[in-house]
């Protein structure tokens, strides 16, 4: 569907370097990264809004690297909606069709179709300044898809919304993708949003493509410290892996030997997700091969969940539910046990 090959864009203050991506027909593809990473620059370069220094962009086998934006059959939705304040919702939605000189009957049919699809029939007569944030985002989506683009580009569409509205618009995006089967390229800095919506994720940092994979691959198997930290792995260590005569591999950190499910030797980084570590008041009877005593050094309250740091050494960040936290009476200074499987450790260079 979309092929991006060795794409570089030089904006003076920021440079996007040698990005190569392949996005499949009908895929919901996420570009994920922190603020200033180059996510929007990549999105707008694909849309044709920036001059390309080197590399190329292909849409369904046709090179569009230097094709005018309006001829690329793409629509873009921004975080701030960019609705025309002097036009009604109806006229905002029809703007692209009128620019393309669509006939009156076609305009009517497509307006009816998209208004029903997004449930905004009752908003058509209103002006943008009378709409809520969620309603404005739905209108922006309607305006983008009414022209039936081959690729829908969405740039941080949920970041300016309150949590309840964000969840509602996220559901709308999921439904649009399911009903229309349209290819969507979605930019976000929110890892939970990326996991919820994306078939695959491209992580970008400092103008470079860091890793591409399924949510599970990015979440469980980061290929670098950057990706591990950005995906909130929290537990990242530099240590030495050694294969023992009995067949086990241990990972040595701060004088502690962790049993891991890997066949590696030498210095590596390793990560283990907080939710993969169990905290208990007594040693657990389980098949998990790692169980260590430790002392709670810090508790970070996140509402329904809490991050509890336990020093073995090293220090491990563990995720517990509010119920478990209260049931065990966890507090700083308490002696506990941490337990986790050998397969929970992931090594990377």
C-alpha atoms as a PDB file:
ATOM      1  CA  UNK A   1       0.000   0.000   0.000  1.00  0.00           C
ATOM      2  CA  UNK A   2       2.539   2.593   1.201  1.00  0.00           C
ATOM      3  CA  UNK A   3       6.253   2.119   0.759  1.00  0.00           C
ATOM      4  CA  UNK A   4       8.693   4.608   2.277  1.00  0.00           C
ATOM      5  CA  UNK A   5      12.322   4.016   1.305  1.00  0.00           C
ATOM      6  CA  UNK A   6      15.336   5.712   2.921  1.00  0.00           C
ATOM      7  CA  UNK A   7      13.322   8.898   3.403  1.00  0.00           C
ATOM      8  CA  UNK A   8      15.268  11.926   4.634  1.00  0.00           C
ATOM      9  CA  UNK A   9      13.863  15.401   5.275  1.00  0.00           C
ATOM     10  CA  UNK A  10      16.048  18.362   6.305  1.00  0.00           C
ATOM     11  CA  UNK A  11      14.163  21.216   7.983  1.00  0.00           C
ATOM     12  CA  UNK A  12      17.305  22.905   9.289  1.00  0.00           C
ATOM     13  CA  UNK A  13      16.438  22.673  12.982  1.00  0.00           C
ATOM     14  CA  UNK A  14      15.314  19.072  12.579  1.00  0.00           C
ATOM     15  CA  UNK A  15      16.360  16.228  10.303  1.00  0.00           C
ATOM     16  CA  UNK A  16      14.437  13.019   9.568  1.00  0.00           C
ATOM     17  CA  UNK A  17      16.974  10.366   8.620  1.00  0.00           C
ATOM     18  CA  UNK A  18      16.697   7.319   6.350  1.00  0.00           C
ATOM     19  CA  UNK A  19      13.229   6.089   7.317  1.00  0.00           C
ATOM     20  CA  UNK A  20      12.079   2.904   5.588  1.00  0.00           C
ATOM     21  CA  UNK A  21       8.544   1.603   6.155  1.00  0.00           C
ATOM     22  CA  UNK A  22       6.105  -0.745   4.458  1.00  0.00           C
ATOM     23  CA  UNK A  23       2.421  -0.314   5.352  1.00  0.00           C
ATOM     24  CA  UNK A  24      -0.070  -2.896   4.155  1.00  0.00           C
ATOM     25  CA  UNK A  25      -3.488  -2.363   2.567  1.00  0.00           C
ATOM     26  CA  UNK A  26      -6.149  -1.962   5.267  1.00  0.00           C
ATOM     27  CA  UNK A  27      -3.609  -1.784   8.096  1.00  0.00           C
ATOM     28  CA  UNK A  28      -3.994   0.436  11.157  1.00  0.00           C
ATOM     29  CA  UNK A  29      -0.396   1.584  11.480  1.00  0.00           C
ATOM     30  CA  UNK A  30       0.909   3.661  14.392  1.00  0.00           C
ATOM     31  CA  UNK A  31       3.847   6.072  14.407  1.00  0.00           C
ATOM     32  CA  UNK A  32       4.853   6.305  18.056  1.00  0.00           C
ATOM     33  CA  UNK A  33       7.421   8.470  19.780  1.00  0.00           C
ATOM     34  CA  UNK A  34       8.068  11.286  22.260  1.00  0.00           C
ATOM     35  CA  UNK A  35       7.569  14.976  21.543  1.00  0.00           C
ATOM     36  CA  UNK A  36      10.087  16.219  18.968  1.00  0.00           C
ATOM     37  CA  UNK A  37      10.905  12.731  17.681  1.00  0.00           C
ATOM     38  CA  UNK A  38       9.812  13.457  14.089  1.00  0.00           C
ATOM     39  CA  UNK A  39       6.415  11.729  14.019  1.00  0.00           C
ATOM     40  CA  UNK A  40       4.477  14.607  12.475  1.00  0.00           C
ATOM     41  CA  UNK A  41       7.319  15.448  10.083  1.00  0.00           C
ATOM     42  CA  UNK A  42       7.135  11.869   8.755  1.00  0.00           C
ATOM     43  CA  UNK A  43       3.335  12.014   8.474  1.00  0.00           C
ATOM     44  CA  UNK A  44       3.347  15.367   6.672  1.00  0.00           C
ATOM     45  CA  UNK A  45       6.182  14.252   4.396  1.00  0.00           C
ATOM     46  CA  UNK A  46       4.068  11.285   3.291  1.00  0.00           C
ATOM     47  CA  UNK A  47       1.205  13.751   2.716  1.00  0.00           C
ATOM     48  CA  UNK A  48       3.495  15.867   0.510  1.00  0.00           C
ATOM     49  CA  UNK A  49       3.783  18.901   2.777  1.00  0.00           C
ATOM     50  CA  UNK A  50       7.594  18.913   3.015  1.00  0.00           C
ATOM     51  CA  UNK A  51      10.289  18.730   0.319  1.00  0.00           C
ATOM     52  CA  UNK A  52      12.147  15.419   0.383  1.00  0.00           C
ATOM     53  CA  UNK A  53      15.936  15.548   0.661  1.00  0.00           C
ATOM     54  CA  UNK A  54      16.420  11.917  -0.412  1.00  0.00           C
ATOM     55  CA  UNK A  55      14.525   8.651  -0.634  1.00  0.00           C
ATOM     56  CA  UNK A  56      11.075   7.969  -2.004  1.00  0.00           C
ATOM     57  CA  UNK A  57       7.389   7.338  -1.277  1.00  0.00           C
ATOM     58  CA  UNK A  58       5.195   4.917  -3.225  1.00  0.00           C
ATOM     59  CA  UNK A  59       1.413   4.562  -3.032  1.00  0.00           C
ATOM     60  CA  UNK A  60       0.107   1.281  -4.462  1.00  0.00           C
ATOM     61  CA  UNK A  61       3.217   0.914  -6.593  1.00  0.00           C
ATOM     62  CA  UNK A  62       3.147   4.465  -7.967  1.00  0.00           C
ATOM     63  CA  UNK A  63       5.850   6.868  -6.865  1.00  0.00           C
ATOM     64  CA  UNK A  64       4.337   9.999  -5.309  1.00  0.00           C
ATOM     65  CA  UNK A  65       7.492  11.522  -3.816  1.00  0.00           C
ATOM     66  CA  UNK A  66       7.031  14.794  -5.679  1.00  0.00           C
ATOM     67  CA  UNK A  67       3.345  14.592  -6.523  1.00  0.00           C
ATOM     68  CA  UNK A  68       1.266  17.545  -5.271  1.00  0.00           C
ATOM     69  CA  UNK A  69      -0.502  16.877  -1.927  1.00  0.00           C
ATOM     70  CA  UNK A  70      -4.002  17.256  -3.404  1.00  0.00           C
ATOM     71  CA  UNK A  71      -3.265  14.546  -5.982  1.00  0.00           C
ATOM     72  CA  UNK A  72      -2.100  11.875  -3.520  1.00  0.00           C
ATOM     73  CA  UNK A  73      -5.609  10.672  -2.539  1.00  0.00           C
ATOM     74  CA  UNK A  74      -4.804  11.132   1.145  1.00  0.00           C
ATOM     75  CA  UNK A  75      -6.696  12.979   3.879  1.00  0.00           C
ATOM     76  CA  UNK A  76      -5.232  14.294   7.111  1.00  0.00           C
ATOM     77  CA  UNK A  77      -6.839  14.956  10.510  1.00  0.00           C
ATOM     78  CA  UNK A  78      -4.964  17.123  13.015  1.00  0.00           C
ATOM     79  CA  UNK A  79      -5.059  17.302  16.805  1.00  0.00           C
ATOM     80  CA  UNK A  80      -6.627  20.784  16.742  1.00  0.00           C
ATOM     81  CA  UNK A  81      -9.305  19.861  14.153  1.00  0.00           C
ATOM     82  CA  UNK A  82      -8.592  22.874  11.853  1.00  0.00           C
ATOM     83  CA  UNK A  83     -12.284  23.464  11.112  1.00  0.00           C
ATOM     84  CA  UNK A  84     -13.366  26.635   9.301  1.00  0.00           C
ATOM     85  CA  UNK A  85     -15.052  28.732  12.037  1.00  0.00           C
ATOM     86  CA  UNK A  86     -17.253  30.711   9.616  1.00  0.00           C
ATOM     87  CA  UNK A  87     -18.735  27.583   8.010  1.00  0.00           C
ATOM     88  CA  UNK A  88     -21.413  25.254   9.353  1.00  0.00           C
ATOM     89  CA  UNK A  89     -20.615  21.627  10.108  1.00  0.00           C
ATOM     90  CA  UNK A  90     -22.322  20.694   6.835  1.00  0.00           C
ATOM     91  CA  UNK A  91     -20.167  23.079   4.817  1.00  0.00           C
ATOM     92  CA  UNK A  92     -16.999  22.032   6.639  1.00  0.00           C
ATOM     93  CA  UNK A  93     -17.645  18.393   5.745  1.00  0.00           C
ATOM     94  CA  UNK A  94     -18.460  19.200   2.101  1.00  0.00           C
ATOM     95  CA  UNK A  95     -15.465  21.488   1.593  1.00  0.00           C
ATOM     96  CA  UNK A  96     -13.213  18.853   0.002  1.00  0.00           C
ATOM     97  CA  UNK A  97     -15.960  17.532  -2.272  1.00  0.00           C
ATOM     98  CA  UNK A  98     -16.718  21.058  -3.494  1.00  0.00           C
ATOM     99  CA  UNK A  99     -13.024  21.701  -4.134  1.00  0.00           C
ATOM    100  CA  UNK A 100     -13.053  18.535  -6.252  1.00  0.00           C
ATOM    101  CA  UNK A 101     -16.163  19.826  -8.069  1.00  0.00           C
ATOM    102  CA  UNK A 102     -18.406  16.943  -6.990  1.00  0.00           C
ATOM    103  CA  UNK A 103     -22.007  17.241  -8.174  1.00  0.00           C
ATOM    104  CA  UNK A 104     -24.882  18.230  -5.881  1.00  0.00           C
ATOM    105  CA  UNK A 105     -26.328  14.708  -5.773  1.00  0.00           C
ATOM    106  CA  UNK A 106     -22.971  13.150  -4.929  1.00  0.00           C
ATOM    107  CA  UNK A 107     -22.442  15.728  -2.162  1.00  0.00           C
ATOM    108  CA  UNK A 108     -25.855  14.943  -0.694  1.00  0.00           C
ATOM    109  CA  UNK A 109     -25.327  11.179  -0.771  1.00  0.00           C
ATOM    110  CA  UNK A 110     -21.870  11.300   0.800  1.00  0.00           C
ATOM    111  CA  UNK A 111     -22.931  13.788   3.477  1.00  0.00           C
ATOM    112  CA  UNK A 112     -25.824  11.533   4.480  1.00  0.00           C
ATOM    113  CA  UNK A 113     -23.527   8.505   4.513  1.00  0.00           C
ATOM    114  CA  UNK A 114     -20.767  10.045   6.642  1.00  0.00           C
ATOM    115  CA  UNK A 115     -23.155  11.808   9.053  1.00  0.00           C
ATOM    116  CA  UNK A 116     -24.931   8.509   9.763  1.00  0.00           C
ATOM    117  CA  UNK A 117     -21.635   6.652  10.057  1.00  0.00           C
ATOM    118  CA  UNK A 118     -20.315   9.032  12.726  1.00  0.00           C
ATOM    119  CA  UNK A 119     -23.668   9.840  14.320  1.00  0.00           C
ATOM    120  CA  UNK A 120     -23.446  13.601  13.725  1.00  0.00           C
ATOM    121  CA  UNK A 121     -26.717  14.204  11.834  1.00  0.00           C
ATOM    122  CA  UNK A 122     -27.923  16.586  14.541  1.00  0.00           C
ATOM    123  CA  UNK A 123     -24.769  18.730  14.299  1.00  0.00           C
ATOM    124  CA  UNK A 124     -24.900  19.602  10.601  1.00  0.00           C
ATOM    125  CA  UNK A 125     -26.511  23.037  11.069  1.00  0.00           C
ATOM    126  CA  UNK A 126     -24.175  24.156  13.863  1.00  0.00           C
ATOM    127  CA  UNK A 127     -20.931  26.173  13.820  1.00  0.00           C
ATOM    128  CA  UNK A 128     -17.637  24.730  15.124  1.00  0.00           C
ATOM    129  CA  UNK A 129     -17.481  27.128  18.086  1.00  0.00           C
ATOM    130  CA  UNK A 130     -20.655  25.561  19.526  1.00  0.00           C
ATOM    131  CA  UNK A 131     -19.218  22.015  19.497  1.00  0.00           C
ATOM    132  CA  UNK A 132     -17.401  20.044  22.193  1.00  0.00           C
ATOM    133  CA  UNK A 133     -13.873  18.759  21.589  1.00  0.00           C
ATOM    134  CA  UNK A 134     -15.132  15.273  20.780  1.00  0.00           C
ATOM    135  CA  UNK A 135     -17.768  16.616  18.375  1.00  0.00           C
ATOM    136  CA  UNK A 136     -15.172  18.743  16.585  1.00  0.00           C
ATOM    137  CA  UNK A 137     -12.926  15.718  16.170  1.00  0.00           C
ATOM    138  CA  UNK A 138     -15.808  13.707  14.685  1.00  0.00           C
ATOM    139  CA  UNK A 139     -16.519  16.520  12.222  1.00  0.00           C
ATOM    140  CA  UNK A 140     -12.834  16.631  11.272  1.00  0.00           C
ATOM    141  CA  UNK A 141     -12.926  12.860  10.689  1.00  0.00           C
ATOM    142  CA  UNK A 142     -16.093  13.222   8.599  1.00  0.00           C
ATOM    143  CA  UNK A 143     -14.478  15.902   6.432  1.00  0.00           C
ATOM    144  CA  UNK A 144     -11.416  13.672   5.942  1.00  0.00           C
ATOM    145  CA  UNK A 145     -13.241  10.488   4.926  1.00  0.00           C
ATOM    146  CA  UNK A 146     -16.117  11.985   2.906  1.00  0.00           C
ATOM    147  CA  UNK A 147     -13.730  12.278  -0.059  1.00  0.00           C
ATOM    148  CA  UNK A 148     -12.988   8.533   0.286  1.00  0.00           C
ATOM    149  CA  UNK A 149      -9.194   8.764   0.457  1.00  0.00           C
ATOM    150  CA  UNK A 150      -6.940   5.774  -0.122  1.00  0.00           C
ATOM    151  CA  UNK A 151      -4.989   6.653   3.035  1.00  0.00           C
ATOM    152  CA  UNK A 152      -6.206   8.404   6.183  1.00  0.00           C
ATOM    153  CA  UNK A 153      -3.533  10.269   8.149  1.00  0.00           C
ATOM    154  CA  UNK A 154      -4.336  11.239  11.747  1.00  0.00           C
ATOM    155  CA  UNK A 155      -1.976  13.356  13.854  1.00  0.00           C
ATOM    156  CA  UNK A 156      -2.425  13.096  17.651  1.00  0.00           C
ATOM    157  CA  UNK A 157      -6.245  13.050  17.294  1.00  0.00           C
ATOM    158  CA  UNK A 158      -6.905  12.207  20.952  1.00  0.00           C
ATOM    159  CA  UNK A 159      -4.287  14.153  22.890  1.00  0.00           C
ATOM    160  CA  UNK A 160      -6.374  17.306  23.448  1.00  0.00           C
ATOM    161  CA  UNK A 161      -9.451  15.412  24.682  1.00  0.00           C
ATOM    162  CA  UNK A 162     -10.518  14.542  28.221  1.00  0.00           C
ATOM    163  CA  UNK A 163     -10.255  10.835  29.159  1.00  0.00           C
ATOM    164  CA  UNK A 164     -13.933   9.997  28.590  1.00  0.00           C
ATOM    165  CA  UNK A 165     -14.096  11.778  25.224  1.00  0.00           C
ATOM    166  CA  UNK A 166     -10.753  10.274  24.225  1.00  0.00           C
ATOM    167  CA  UNK A 167     -12.141   6.802  24.759  1.00  0.00           C
ATOM    168  CA  UNK A 168     -15.250   7.650  22.702  1.00  0.00           C
ATOM    169  CA  UNK A 169     -13.256   9.026  19.736  1.00  0.00           C
ATOM    170  CA  UNK A 170     -10.866   6.065  19.965  1.00  0.00           C
ATOM    171  CA  UNK A 171     -13.882   3.800  19.572  1.00  0.00           C
ATOM    172  CA  UNK A 172     -14.999   5.849  16.546  1.00  0.00           C
ATOM    173  CA  UNK A 173     -11.596   5.389  14.918  1.00  0.00           C
ATOM    174  CA  UNK A 174     -11.706   1.660  15.573  1.00  0.00           C
ATOM    175  CA  UNK A 175     -15.193   1.435  14.082  1.00  0.00           C
ATOM    176  CA  UNK A 176     -14.261   3.533  11.034  1.00  0.00           C
ATOM    177  CA  UNK A 177     -11.348   1.249  10.336  1.00  0.00           C
ATOM    178  CA  UNK A 178     -13.473  -1.873  10.735  1.00  0.00           C
ATOM    179  CA  UNK A 179     -16.409  -0.632   8.631  1.00  0.00           C
ATOM    180  CA  UNK A 180     -14.456   1.097   5.844  1.00  0.00           C
ATOM    181  CA  UNK A 181     -11.396  -1.142   5.741  1.00  0.00           C
ATOM    182  CA  UNK A 182      -9.364   2.009   5.091  1.00  0.00           C
ATOM    183  CA  UNK A 183      -5.614   2.167   5.635  1.00  0.00           C
ATOM    184  CA  UNK A 184      -4.864   4.457   8.588  1.00  0.00           C
ATOM    185  CA  UNK A 185      -1.547   6.024   9.565  1.00  0.00           C
ATOM    186  CA  UNK A 186      -1.887   7.373  13.106  1.00  0.00           C
ATOM    187  CA  UNK A 187       0.661   9.504  15.005  1.00  0.00           C
ATOM    188  CA  UNK A 188       0.691   9.447  18.804  1.00  0.00           C
ATOM    189  CA  UNK A 189       2.994   9.735  21.817  1.00  0.00           C
ATOM    190  CA  UNK A 190       0.628   7.606  23.940  1.00  0.00           C
ATOM    191  CA  UNK A 191       1.772   3.991  24.249  1.00  0.00           C
ATOM    192  CA  UNK A 192      -1.596   2.718  25.536  1.00  0.00           C
ATOM    193  CA  UNK A 193      -3.348   4.354  22.582  1.00  0.00           C
ATOM    194  CA  UNK A 194      -0.888   2.715  20.191  1.00  0.00           C
ATOM    195  CA  UNK A 195      -1.449  -0.733  21.689  1.00  0.00           C
ATOM    196  CA  UNK A 196      -5.233  -0.306  21.672  1.00  0.00           C
ATOM    197  CA  UNK A 197      -5.515   0.707  18.016  1.00  0.00           C
ATOM    198  CA  UNK A 198      -2.472  -0.414  16.068  1.00  0.00           C
ATOM    199  CA  UNK A 199      -1.885  -3.563  14.057  1.00  0.00           C
ATOM    200  CA  UNK A 200       1.775  -2.566  13.938  1.00  0.00           C
ATOM    201  CA  UNK A 201       3.831   0.203  15.502  1.00  0.00           C
ATOM    202  CA  UNK A 202       6.875   2.158  14.307  1.00  0.00           C
ATOM    203  CA  UNK A 203       8.795   3.762  17.182  1.00  0.00           C
ATOM    204  CA  UNK A 204      10.653   6.944  16.230  1.00  0.00           C
ATOM    205  CA  UNK A 205      13.222   8.874  18.244  1.00  0.00           C
ATOM    206  CA  UNK A 206      15.469  11.797  17.353  1.00  0.00           C
ATOM    207  CA  UNK A 207      14.491  11.627  13.689  1.00  0.00           C
ATOM    208  CA  UNK A 208      15.320   7.927  13.333  1.00  0.00           C
ATOM    209  CA  UNK A 209      13.250   4.772  13.065  1.00  0.00           C
ATOM    210  CA  UNK A 210      14.049   2.720  16.166  1.00  0.00           C
ATOM    211  CA  UNK A 211      11.841  -0.385  15.841  1.00  0.00           C
ATOM    212  CA  UNK A 212       8.872  -1.673  13.844  1.00  0.00           C
ATOM    213  CA  UNK A 213       6.675  -4.511  15.052  1.00  0.00           C
ATOM    214  CA  UNK A 214       3.370  -5.639  16.465  1.00  0.00           C
ATOM    215  CA  UNK A 215       2.285  -4.132  19.794  1.00  0.00           C
ATOM    216  CA  UNK A 216       3.333  -7.389  21.464  1.00  0.00           C
ATOM    217  CA  UNK A 217       6.807  -7.253  19.888  1.00  0.00           C
ATOM    218  CA  UNK A 218       7.365  -3.626  20.888  1.00  0.00           C
ATOM    219  CA  UNK A 219       5.877  -4.182  24.338  1.00  0.00           C
ATOM    220  CA  UNK A 220       7.619  -7.449  25.206  1.00  0.00           C
ATOM    221  CA  UNK A 221      10.743  -7.417  23.042  1.00  0.00           C
ATOM    222  CA  UNK A 222      12.204  -3.899  22.742  1.00  0.00           C
ATOM    223  CA  UNK A 223      15.352  -3.835  20.626  1.00  0.00           C
ATOM    224  CA  UNK A 224      17.013  -0.916  22.422  1.00  0.00           C
ATOM    225  CA  UNK A 225      17.120   0.982  25.689  1.00  0.00           C
ATOM    226  CA  UNK A 226      15.240   3.861  24.000  1.00  0.00           C
ATOM    227  CA  UNK A 227      12.295   1.642  23.051  1.00  0.00           C
ATOM    228  CA  UNK A 228      12.329  -0.139  26.411  1.00  0.00           C
ATOM    229  CA  UNK A 229      12.161   3.130  28.332  1.00  0.00           C
ATOM    230  CA  UNK A 230       9.555   4.681  26.064  1.00  0.00           C
ATOM    231  CA  UNK A 231       7.316   1.620  26.417  1.00  0.00           C
ATOM    232  CA  UNK A 232       7.490   2.041  30.201  1.00  0.00           C
ATOM    233  CA  UNK A 233       9.390  -1.172  30.852  1.00  0.00           C
ATOM    234  CA  UNK A 234      10.948   0.595  33.887  1.00  0.00           C
ATOM    235  CA  UNK A 235      13.289  -2.303  34.763  1.00  0.00           C
ATOM    236  CA  UNK A 236      16.341  -2.003  32.499  1.00  0.00           C
ATOM    237  CA  UNK A 237      19.739  -3.342  33.510  1.00  0.00           C
ATOM    238  CA  UNK A 238      23.242  -3.710  32.126  1.00  0.00           C
ATOM    239  CA  UNK A 239      24.761  -7.006  33.148  1.00  0.00           C
ATOM    240  CA  UNK A 240      26.581 -10.147  32.084  1.00  0.00           C
ATOM    241  CA  UNK A 241      24.916 -13.269  30.719  1.00  0.00           C
ATOM    242  CA  UNK A 242      26.633 -16.604  31.404  1.00  0.00           C
ATOM    243  CA  UNK A 243      25.649 -20.090  30.255  1.00  0.00           C
ATOM    244  CA  UNK A 244      26.112 -22.678  33.010  1.00  0.00           C
ATOM    245  CA  UNK A 245      27.193 -26.285  32.620  1.00  0.00           C
ATOM    246  CA  UNK A 246      23.752 -27.539  33.640  1.00  0.00           C
ATOM    247  CA  UNK A 247      22.091 -25.710  30.741  1.00  0.00           C
ATOM    248  CA  UNK A 248      20.801 -22.634  32.560  1.00  0.00           C
ATOM    249  CA  UNK A 249      21.722 -19.100  31.565  1.00  0.00           C
ATOM    250  CA  UNK A 250      22.116 -16.551  34.333  1.00  0.00           C
ATOM    251  CA  UNK A 251      22.148 -12.778  34.071  1.00  0.00           C
ATOM    252  CA  UNK A 252      24.385 -11.140  36.681  1.00  0.00           C
ATOM    253  CA  UNK A 253      23.421  -7.704  38.017  1.00  0.00           C
ATOM    254  CA  UNK A 254      24.706  -6.120  41.258  1.00  0.00           C
ATOM    255  CA  UNK A 255      25.802  -9.488  42.631  1.00  0.00           C
ATOM    256  CA  UNK A 256      22.466 -11.222  41.931  1.00  0.00           C
ATOM    257  CA  UNK A 257      22.087 -14.096  39.448  1.00  0.00           C
ATOM    258  CA  UNK A 258      18.780 -14.109  37.571  1.00  0.00           C
ATOM    259  CA  UNK A 259      17.865 -17.259  35.657  1.00  0.00           C
ATOM    260  CA  UNK A 260      16.793 -16.258  32.138  1.00  0.00           C
ATOM    261  CA  UNK A 261      15.416 -18.066  29.088  1.00  0.00           C
ATOM    262  CA  UNK A 262      18.156 -17.116  26.631  1.00  0.00           C
ATOM    263  CA  UNK A 263      21.207 -18.694  25.071  1.00  0.00           C
ATOM    264  CA  UNK A 264      23.542 -15.728  25.248  1.00  0.00           C
ATOM    265  CA  UNK A 265      26.927 -14.885  26.729  1.00  0.00           C
ATOM    266  CA  UNK A 266      28.615 -11.589  27.488  1.00  0.00           C
ATOM    267  CA  UNK A 267      27.481  -8.068  28.335  1.00  0.00           C
ATOM    268  CA  UNK A 268      23.903  -7.156  27.451  1.00  0.00           C
ATOM    269  CA  UNK A 269      21.065  -4.926  28.425  1.00  0.00           C
ATOM    270  CA  UNK A 270      18.039  -6.711  29.863  1.00  0.00           C
ATOM    271  CA  UNK A 271      14.500  -5.652  30.664  1.00  0.00           C
ATOM    272  CA  UNK A 272      11.577  -7.048  32.621  1.00  0.00           C
ATOM    273  CA  UNK A 273       8.142  -5.466  32.732  1.00  0.00           C
ATOM    274  CA  UNK A 274       6.721  -4.445  36.167  1.00  0.00           C
ATOM    275  CA  UNK A 275       3.510  -6.415  35.630  1.00  0.00           C
ATOM    276  CA  UNK A 276       5.521  -9.639  35.164  1.00  0.00           C
ATOM    277  CA  UNK A 277       6.832  -9.498  38.743  1.00  0.00           C
ATOM    278  CA  UNK A 278       4.747 -10.878  41.624  1.00  0.00           C
ATOM    279  CA  UNK A 279       5.091  -9.509  45.156  1.00  0.00           C
ATOM    280  CA  UNK A 280       4.269 -11.712  48.154  1.00  0.00           C
ATOM    281  CA  UNK A 281       4.796 -11.745  51.903  1.00  0.00           C
ATOM    282  CA  UNK A 282       6.154 -15.308  51.759  1.00  0.00           C
ATOM    283  CA  UNK A 283       8.018 -17.263  49.040  1.00  0.00           C
ATOM    284  CA  UNK A 284       5.572 -18.462  46.373  1.00  0.00           C
ATOM    285  CA  UNK A 285       5.222 -22.079  45.335  1.00  0.00           C
ATOM    286  CA  UNK A 286       5.228 -21.815  41.563  1.00  0.00           C
ATOM    287  CA  UNK A 287       7.065 -22.881  38.414  1.00  0.00           C
ATOM    288  CA  UNK A 288       8.756 -19.459  38.242  1.00  0.00           C
ATOM    289  CA  UNK A 289      12.499 -19.926  38.562  1.00  0.00           C
ATOM    290  CA  UNK A 290      13.326 -16.579  40.111  1.00  0.00           C
ATOM    291  CA  UNK A 291      12.312 -15.778  43.694  1.00  0.00           C
ATOM    292  CA  UNK A 292      14.226 -13.291  45.844  1.00  0.00           C
ATOM    293  CA  UNK A 293      13.725 -11.542  49.176  1.00  0.00           C
ATOM    294  CA  UNK A 294      13.819  -7.760  49.152  1.00  0.00           C
ATOM    295  CA  UNK A 295      12.805  -4.540  50.871  1.00  0.00           C
ATOM    296  CA  UNK A 296      10.263  -1.990  49.607  1.00  0.00           C
ATOM    297  CA  UNK A 297      12.051   1.334  49.016  1.00  0.00           C
ATOM    298  CA  UNK A 298       9.395   3.410  47.239  1.00  0.00           C
ATOM    299  CA  UNK A 299       5.677   3.353  46.391  1.00  0.00           C
ATOM    300  CA  UNK A 300       4.176   5.361  43.530  1.00  0.00           C
ATOM    301  CA  UNK A 301       0.386   5.588  43.684  1.00  0.00           C
ATOM    302  CA  UNK A 302      -1.269   5.612  40.216  1.00  0.00           C
ATOM    303  CA  UNK A 303      -4.860   5.222  41.415  1.00  0.00           C
ATOM    304  CA  UNK A 304      -6.141   1.757  40.528  1.00  0.00           C
ATOM    305  CA  UNK A 305      -2.564   0.454  40.380  1.00  0.00           C
ATOM    306  CA  UNK A 306       0.665   1.185  42.256  1.00  0.00           C
ATOM    307  CA  UNK A 307       4.325   0.891  41.311  1.00  0.00           C
ATOM    308  CA  UNK A 308       6.295  -0.629  44.165  1.00  0.00           C
ATOM    309  CA  UNK A 309      10.094  -0.559  44.100  1.00  0.00           C
ATOM    310  CA  UNK A 310      11.820  -3.463  45.823  1.00  0.00           C
ATOM    311  CA  UNK A 311      15.570  -3.593  46.469  1.00  0.00           C
ATOM    312  CA  UNK A 312      17.144  -7.047  46.175  1.00  0.00           C
ATOM    313  CA  UNK A 313      19.640  -5.588  44.901  1.00  0.00           C
ATOM    314  CA  UNK A 314      19.197  -4.377  42.169  1.00  0.00           C
ATOM    315  CA  UNK A 315      15.946  -2.429  42.556  1.00  0.00           C
ATOM    316  CA  UNK A 316      12.914  -3.798  40.713  1.00  0.00           C
ATOM    317  CA  UNK A 317       9.764  -1.839  39.894  1.00  0.00           C
ATOM    318  CA  UNK A 318       6.666  -4.029  40.364  1.00  0.00           C
ATOM    319  CA  UNK A 319       3.054  -3.314  39.430  1.00  0.00           C
ATOM    320  CA  UNK A 320       0.305  -4.244  41.908  1.00  0.00           C
ATOM    321  CA  UNK A 321      -3.420  -3.623  42.008  1.00  0.00           C
ATOM    322  CA  UNK A 322      -5.000  -1.479  44.705  1.00  0.00           C
ATOM    323  CA  UNK A 323      -6.676  -4.579  46.141  1.00  0.00           C
ATOM    324  CA  UNK A 324      -3.402  -6.546  46.416  1.00  0.00           C
ATOM    325  CA  UNK A 325      -1.594  -3.546  47.864  1.00  0.00           C
ATOM    326  CA  UNK A 326      -4.128  -3.127  50.661  1.00  0.00           C
ATOM    327  CA  UNK A 327      -4.512  -6.863  51.290  1.00  0.00           C
ATOM    328  CA  UNK A 328      -0.747  -7.336  51.833  1.00  0.00           C
ATOM    329  CA  UNK A 329      -0.345  -4.106  53.802  1.00  0.00           C
ATOM    330  CA  UNK A 330       2.586  -2.981  51.666  1.00  0.00           C
ATOM    331  CA  UNK A 331       4.628  -0.044  52.896  1.00  0.00           C
ATOM    332  CA  UNK A 332       8.138   1.364  52.585  1.00  0.00           C
ATOM    333  CA  UNK A 333      10.590  -0.744  54.619  1.00  0.00           C
ATOM    334  CA  UNK A 334       8.464  -3.924  54.508  1.00  0.00           C
ATOM    335  CA  UNK A 335      10.250  -7.193  53.722  1.00  0.00           C
ATOM    336  CA  UNK A 336       8.700  -9.002  50.743  1.00  0.00           C
ATOM    337  CA  UNK A 337       9.489 -11.589  48.055  1.00  0.00           C
ATOM    338  CA  UNK A 338       9.542 -10.951  44.302  1.00  0.00           C
ATOM    339  CA  UNK A 339       8.887 -13.823  41.907  1.00  0.00           C
ATOM    340  CA  UNK A 340       9.041 -13.990  38.094  1.00  0.00           C
ATOM    341  CA  UNK A 341       9.606 -16.445  35.259  1.00  0.00           C
ATOM    342  CA  UNK A 342      12.882 -16.894  33.424  1.00  0.00           C
ATOM    343  CA  UNK A 343      11.073 -16.030  30.185  1.00  0.00           C
ATOM    344  CA  UNK A 344      10.093 -12.610  31.576  1.00  0.00           C
ATOM    345  CA  UNK A 345      13.656 -11.339  31.086  1.00  0.00           C
ATOM    346  CA  UNK A 346      14.395  -9.962  27.613  1.00  0.00           C
ATOM    347  CA  UNK A 347      17.966  -9.344  26.437  1.00  0.00           C
ATOM    348  CA  UNK A 348      19.023  -6.733  23.878  1.00  0.00           C
ATOM    349  CA  UNK A 349      22.300  -5.117  22.862  1.00  0.00           C
END
